[in-house]
Amino acid sequence: MESFRPSGLSIEQAASTFAALGSEQRLAVLRTLVRAGPEGLSIGQIGQRAGVTGSTLTHHMKILTQSGLVRQDKRGRSIICVADFDATRALSDYLLQQCCADADQPHKDHADD
């Protein structure tokens, strides 16, 4: 899986990053980290809140980290996982950057873009 690059996101990079979210459990983990904010959570806290534990959580964290959507920071003896908000926002912006480009009338939320 290719790592996320915020500037100049290609369709291949976007597809690869979206693939990392192609699991209900990974999506739940990312949403849990987004809810936690910039302080992040330990692996144990993620497991409790997202309902994913053990080797399954380790596997999902590896994929999310490799995709660039999650960072892991060592703080003392703990590894704290944090959602990369810039990468997550850029991925959603990728979908919306040309919103309504082929429509006769722009969508009301993107009329001024």
C-alpha atoms as a PDB file:
ATOM      1  CA  MET A   1       0.000   0.000   0.000  1.00  0.00           C
ATOM      2  CA  GLU A   2       1.390   3.368  -1.000  1.00  0.00           C
ATOM      3  CA  SER A   3       1.841   5.995   1.684  1.00  0.00           C
ATOM      4  CA  PHE A   4      -0.291   9.142   1.547  1.00  0.00           C
ATOM      5  CA  ARG A   5       1.165  12.340   0.084  1.00  0.00           C
ATOM      6  CA  PRO A   6      -1.013  15.393   0.813  1.00  0.00           C
ATOM      7  CA  SER A   7       0.028  17.483  -2.197  1.00  0.00           C
ATOM      8  CA  GLY A   8      -0.944  16.437  -5.691  1.00  0.00           C
ATOM      9  CA  LEU A   9      -2.890  13.331  -4.737  1.00  0.00           C
ATOM     10  CA  SER A  10      -3.122  11.070  -7.776  1.00  0.00           C
ATOM     11  CA  ILE A  11      -5.997   8.708  -8.440  1.00  0.00           C
ATOM     12  CA  GLU A  12      -3.677   5.787  -7.649  1.00  0.00           C
ATOM     13  CA  GLN A  13      -2.709   7.283  -4.289  1.00  0.00           C
ATOM     14  CA  ALA A  14      -6.328   8.073  -3.454  1.00  0.00           C
ATOM     15  CA  ALA A  15      -7.427   4.539  -4.360  1.00  0.00           C
ATOM     16  CA  SER A  16      -4.670   3.039  -2.245  1.00  0.00           C
ATOM     17  CA  THR A  17      -5.570   5.196   0.731  1.00  0.00           C
ATOM     18  CA  PHE A  18      -9.286   4.533   0.361  1.00  0.00           C
ATOM     19  CA  ALA A  19      -8.446   0.810   0.252  1.00  0.00           C
ATOM     20  CA  ALA A  20      -7.044   1.171   3.762  1.00  0.00           C
ATOM     21  CA  LEU A  21     -10.556   2.149   4.842  1.00  0.00           C
ATOM     22  CA  GLY A  22     -12.111  -0.836   3.085  1.00  0.00           C
ATOM     23  CA  SER A  23     -12.784  -2.620   6.346  1.00  0.00           C
ATOM     24  CA  GLU A  24     -15.501  -1.807   8.854  1.00  0.00           C
ATOM     25  CA  GLN A  25     -13.016  -2.353  11.679  1.00  0.00           C
ATOM     26  CA  ARG A  26     -10.367  -0.039  10.184  1.00  0.00           C
ATOM     27  CA  LEU A  27     -12.974   2.620   9.570  1.00  0.00           C
ATOM     28  CA  ALA A  28     -14.133   2.247  13.190  1.00  0.00           C
ATOM     29  CA  VAL A  29     -10.544   2.588  14.408  1.00  0.00           C
ATOM     30  CA  LEU A  30      -9.945   5.738  12.337  1.00  0.00           C
ATOM     31  CA  ARG A  31     -13.226   7.274  13.505  1.00  0.00           C
ATOM     32  CA  THR A  32     -12.272   6.455  17.097  1.00  0.00           C
ATOM     33  CA  LEU A  33      -8.957   8.261  16.636  1.00  0.00           C
ATOM     34  CA  VAL A  34     -10.616  11.237  14.951  1.00  0.00           C
ATOM     35  CA  ARG A  35     -13.010  11.485  17.910  1.00  0.00           C
ATOM     36  CA  ALA A  36     -10.062  11.343  20.330  1.00  0.00           C
ATOM     37  CA  GLY A  37      -8.489  14.409  18.763  1.00  0.00           C
ATOM     38  CA  PRO A  38      -4.822  15.366  18.535  1.00  0.00           C
ATOM     39  CA  GLU A  39      -3.889  13.714  21.831  1.00  0.00           C
ATOM     40  CA  GLY A  40      -4.573  10.296  20.325  1.00  0.00           C
ATOM     41  CA  LEU A  41      -5.047   7.027  22.163  1.00  0.00           C
ATOM     42  CA  SER A  42      -3.004   4.056  23.276  1.00  0.00           C
ATOM     43  CA  ILE A  43      -3.549   0.731  21.545  1.00  0.00           C
ATOM     44  CA  GLY A  44      -5.497  -0.508  24.587  1.00  0.00           C
ATOM     45  CA  GLN A  45      -7.777   2.520  24.552  1.00  0.00           C
ATOM     46  CA  ILE A  46      -8.409   2.118  20.825  1.00  0.00           C
ATOM     47  CA  GLY A  47      -9.301  -1.521  21.346  1.00  0.00           C
ATOM     48  CA  GLN A  48     -11.763  -0.722  24.107  1.00  0.00           C
ATOM     49  CA  ARG A  49     -13.441   2.126  22.251  1.00  0.00           C
ATOM     50  CA  ALA A  50     -13.530   0.563  18.775  1.00  0.00           C
ATOM     51  CA  GLY A  51     -14.197  -2.994  19.908  1.00  0.00           C
ATOM     52  CA  VAL A  52     -11.174  -4.369  18.047  1.00  0.00           C
ATOM     53  CA  THR A  53      -8.413  -6.054  20.029  1.00  0.00           C
ATOM     54  CA  GLY A  54      -5.326  -8.223  19.850  1.00  0.00           C
ATOM     55  CA  SER A  55      -3.615  -9.237  16.649  1.00  0.00           C
ATOM     56  CA  THR A  56      -6.586  -8.016  14.621  1.00  0.00           C
ATOM     57  CA  LEU A  57      -6.081  -4.482  15.922  1.00  0.00           C
ATOM     58  CA  THR A  58      -2.321  -4.727  15.304  1.00  0.00           C
ATOM     59  CA  HIS A  59      -3.004  -5.751  11.701  1.00  0.00           C
ATOM     60  CA  HIS A  60      -5.447  -2.884  11.145  1.00  0.00           C
ATOM     61  CA  MET A  61      -3.121  -0.337  12.764  1.00  0.00           C
ATOM     62  CA  LYS A  62      -0.304  -1.420  10.452  1.00  0.00           C
ATOM     63  CA  ILE A  63      -2.475  -0.823   7.380  1.00  0.00           C
ATOM     64  CA  LEU A  64      -3.743   2.545   8.624  1.00  0.00           C
ATOM     65  CA  THR A  65      -0.216   3.645   9.511  1.00  0.00           C
ATOM     66  CA  GLN A  66       1.215   2.545   6.165  1.00  0.00           C
ATOM     67  CA  SER A  67      -1.530   4.451   4.361  1.00  0.00           C
ATOM     68  CA  GLY A  68      -0.574   7.641   6.209  1.00  0.00           C
ATOM     69  CA  LEU A  69      -3.962   8.084   7.862  1.00  0.00           C
ATOM     70  CA  VAL A  70      -2.589   7.304  11.338  1.00  0.00           C
ATOM     71  CA  ARG A  71       0.677   8.192  13.058  1.00  0.00           C
ATOM     72  CA  GLN A  72       2.190   6.293  15.948  1.00  0.00           C
ATOM     73  CA  ASP A  73       4.179   8.344  18.464  1.00  0.00           C
ATOM     74  CA  LYS A  74       6.242   6.867  21.268  1.00  0.00           C
ATOM     75  CA  ARG A  75       5.495   8.631  24.565  1.00  0.00           C
ATOM     76  CA  GLY A  76       7.455   7.134  27.391  1.00  0.00           C
ATOM     77  CA  ARG A  77       6.664   3.429  27.417  1.00  0.00           C
ATOM     78  CA  SER A  78       3.460   3.827  25.430  1.00  0.00           C
ATOM     79  CA  ILE A  79       2.770   4.048  21.749  1.00  0.00           C
ATOM     80  CA  ILE A  80       0.086   6.619  21.102  1.00  0.00           C
ATOM     81  CA  CYS A  81      -1.832   6.489  17.845  1.00  0.00           C
ATOM     82  CA  VAL A  82      -3.098   9.727  16.340  1.00  0.00           C
ATOM     83  CA  ALA A  83      -5.268  10.316  13.293  1.00  0.00           C
ATOM     84  CA  ASP A  84      -3.434  12.362  10.671  1.00  0.00           C
ATOM     85  CA  PHE A  85      -6.085  15.033  10.216  1.00  0.00           C
ATOM     86  CA  ASP A  86      -4.363  16.640   7.233  1.00  0.00           C
ATOM     87  CA  ALA A  87      -4.224  13.321   5.369  1.00  0.00           C
ATOM     88  CA  THR A  88      -7.824  12.498   6.260  1.00  0.00           C
ATOM     89  CA  ARG A  89      -9.029  15.934   5.172  1.00  0.00           C
ATOM     90  CA  ALA A  90      -7.027  15.802   1.942  1.00  0.00           C
ATOM     91  CA  LEU A  91      -8.551  12.426   1.136  1.00  0.00           C
ATOM     92  CA  SER A  92     -12.081  13.736   1.578  1.00  0.00           C
ATOM     93  CA  ASP A  93     -11.157  16.898  -0.356  1.00  0.00           C
ATOM     94  CA  TYR A  94      -9.998  14.658  -3.201  1.00  0.00           C
ATOM     95  CA  LEU A  95     -13.594  13.504  -3.620  1.00  0.00           C
ATOM     96  CA  LEU A  96     -15.093  16.963  -3.319  1.00  0.00           C
ATOM     97  CA  GLN A  97     -12.565  19.130  -5.157  1.00  0.00           C
ATOM     98  CA  GLN A  98     -14.509  18.928  -8.401  1.00  0.00           C
ATOM     99  CA  CYS A  99     -17.946  18.748  -6.868  1.00  0.00           C
ATOM    100  CA  CYS A 100     -20.631  19.415  -9.445  1.00  0.00           C
ATOM    101  CA  ALA A 101     -18.090  20.285 -12.168  1.00  0.00           C
ATOM    102  CA  ASP A 102     -20.264  18.617 -14.807  1.00  0.00           C
ATOM    103  CA  ALA A 103     -23.621  19.695 -13.385  1.00  0.00           C
ATOM    104  CA  ASP A 104     -25.753  22.416 -14.942  1.00  0.00           C
ATOM    105  CA  GLN A 105     -26.057  24.049 -11.522  1.00  0.00           C
ATOM    106  CA  PRO A 106     -23.538  23.858  -8.684  1.00  0.00           C
ATOM    107  CA  HIS A 107     -24.506  22.200  -5.432  1.00  0.00           C
ATOM    108  CA  LYS A 108     -25.723  24.797  -2.903  1.00  0.00           C
ATOM    109  CA  ASP A 109     -22.755  24.100  -0.587  1.00  0.00           C
ATOM    110  CA  HIS A 110     -20.227  24.627  -3.398  1.00  0.00           C
ATOM    111  CA  ALA A 111     -21.736  27.517  -5.313  1.00  0.00           C
ATOM    112  CA  ASP A 112     -18.910  29.894  -4.333  1.00  0.00           C
ATOM    113  CA  ASP A 113     -15.991  27.497  -5.020  1.00  0.00           C
END
